[in-house]
Every structure is written in structure tokens, then in C-alpha cells.
C-alpha atoms as a PDB file:
ATOM      1  CA  MET A   1       4.091 -10.176 -28.135  1.00  0.00           C
ATOM      2  CA  ARG A   2       1.622  -7.365 -27.794  1.00  0.00           C
ATOM      3  CA  ASN A   3      -1.338  -9.734 -27.485  1.00  0.00           C
ATOM      4  CA  HIS A   4       0.449 -11.793 -24.842  1.00  0.00           C
ATOM      5  CA  LEU A   5       1.105  -8.722 -22.742  1.00  0.00           C
ATOM      6  CA  ARG A   6      -2.519  -7.555 -23.046  1.00  0.00           C
ATOM      7  CA  GLU A   7      -3.733 -11.033 -22.085  1.00  0.00           C
ATOM      8  CA  ALA A   8      -1.435 -11.068 -19.059  1.00  0.00           C
ATOM      9  CA  VAL A   9      -2.638  -7.645 -17.900  1.00  0.00           C
ATOM     10  CA  ASP A  10      -6.288  -8.644 -18.371  1.00  0.00           C
ATOM     11  CA  SER A  11      -5.703 -11.881 -16.488  1.00  0.00           C
ATOM     12  CA  MET A  12      -4.089 -10.087 -13.550  1.00  0.00           C
ATOM     13  CA  LYS A  13      -6.905  -7.509 -13.485  1.00  0.00           C
ATOM     14  CA  LYS A  14      -9.488 -10.306 -13.338  1.00  0.00           C
ATOM     15  CA  TYR A  15      -7.542 -11.944 -10.513  1.00  0.00           C
ATOM     16  CA  TYR A  16      -7.411  -8.764  -8.410  1.00  0.00           C
ATOM     17  CA  ILE A  17     -11.022  -7.861  -9.198  1.00  0.00           C
ATOM     18  CA  GLN A  18     -12.145 -11.277  -7.973  1.00  0.00           C
ATOM     19  CA  LYS A  19     -10.100 -10.874  -4.782  1.00  0.00           C
ATOM     20  CA  LEU A  20     -11.802  -7.522  -4.100  1.00  0.00           C
ATOM     21  CA  ILE A  21     -15.249  -8.975  -4.762  1.00  0.00           C
ATOM     22  CA  ASP A  22     -14.522 -11.961  -2.509  1.00  0.00           C
ATOM     23  CA  ALA A  23     -13.311  -9.607   0.239  1.00  0.00           C
ATOM     24  CA  GLY A  24     -16.540  -7.612  -0.002  1.00  0.00           C
ATOM     25  CA  VAL A  25     -14.745  -4.387  -0.895  1.00  0.00           C
ATOM     26  CA  TYR A  26     -16.592  -4.042  -4.196  1.00  0.00           C
ATOM     27  CA  SER A  27     -19.751  -5.499  -5.638  1.00  0.00           C
ATOM     28  CA  LYS A  28     -19.561  -7.382  -8.911  1.00  0.00           C
ATOM     29  CA  ALA A  29     -22.118  -4.901 -10.272  1.00  0.00           C
ATOM     30  CA  ASP A  30     -19.984  -1.852  -9.389  1.00  0.00           C
ATOM     31  CA  PRO A  31     -18.935  -0.302 -12.722  1.00  0.00           C
ATOM     32  CA  GLU A  32     -16.048   1.598 -11.087  1.00  0.00           C
ATOM     33  CA  LEU A  33     -14.329  -1.693 -10.314  1.00  0.00           C
ATOM     34  CA  TYR A  34     -13.760  -2.389 -14.001  1.00  0.00           C
ATOM     35  CA  THR A  35     -12.183   1.016 -14.729  1.00  0.00           C
ATOM     36  CA  ILE A  36      -9.432   0.795 -12.109  1.00  0.00           C
ATOM     37  CA  THR A  37      -5.933   0.272 -13.478  1.00  0.00           C
ATOM     38  CA  LEU A  38      -3.929  -2.859 -12.716  1.00  0.00           C
ATOM     39  CA  THR A  39      -1.545  -0.862 -10.533  1.00  0.00           C
ATOM     40  CA  GLU A  40      -4.411   0.617  -8.521  1.00  0.00           C
ATOM     41  CA  LEU A  41      -6.050  -2.792  -8.115  1.00  0.00           C
ATOM     42  CA  GLU A  42      -2.783  -4.254  -6.875  1.00  0.00           C
ATOM     43  CA  MET A  43      -2.358  -1.425  -4.351  1.00  0.00           C
ATOM     44  CA  ILE A  44      -5.915  -1.835  -3.034  1.00  0.00           C
ATOM     45  CA  VAL A  45      -5.499  -5.597  -2.627  1.00  0.00           C
ATOM     46  CA  ASN A  46      -2.125  -5.161  -0.927  1.00  0.00           C
ATOM     47  CA  ASN A  47      -3.636  -2.640   1.501  1.00  0.00           C
ATOM     48  CA  ILE A  48      -6.432  -5.061   2.343  1.00  0.00           C
ATOM     49  CA  GLU A  49      -4.085  -8.001   2.858  1.00  0.00           C
ATOM     50  CA  ASP A  50      -1.520  -6.032   4.877  1.00  0.00           C
ATOM     51  CA  PRO A  51      -2.964  -2.717   6.110  1.00  0.00           C
ATOM     52  CA  LYS A  52       0.114  -1.992   8.233  1.00  0.00           C
ATOM     53  CA  SER A  53       2.327  -1.756   5.142  1.00  0.00           C
ATOM     54  CA  THR A  54       1.035   1.723   4.226  1.00  0.00           C
END
């Protein structure tokens, strides 16, 4: 179970990281991008997709 959860979290992080790179918010070479938590990544992406929601 533990490995499945870790894999799911890593997969979601990769998904959000790619969305931020595609949007031009971060560069693929930016080391900070890979230290952001899943929750923070999700919040950043949500703010980009719907800035009026904050």
C-alpha cells in the first residue's frame, strides 16, 4: 500500500510540474520546482487556471 501511495503522489507531482512548465511559470531547469509539495503545486496550478478563485 505504501508504495502505491508514494507512486500516486509522485505521479501527481510530475503532472502538476509539467503543467507549470508548459504554462511558462517555471523552467524545467529550476531546482525549486522539484522541492515544492504536492499541495503547493496543486494550489499554484489552480491559481493559474482560475485566478479569480483566490
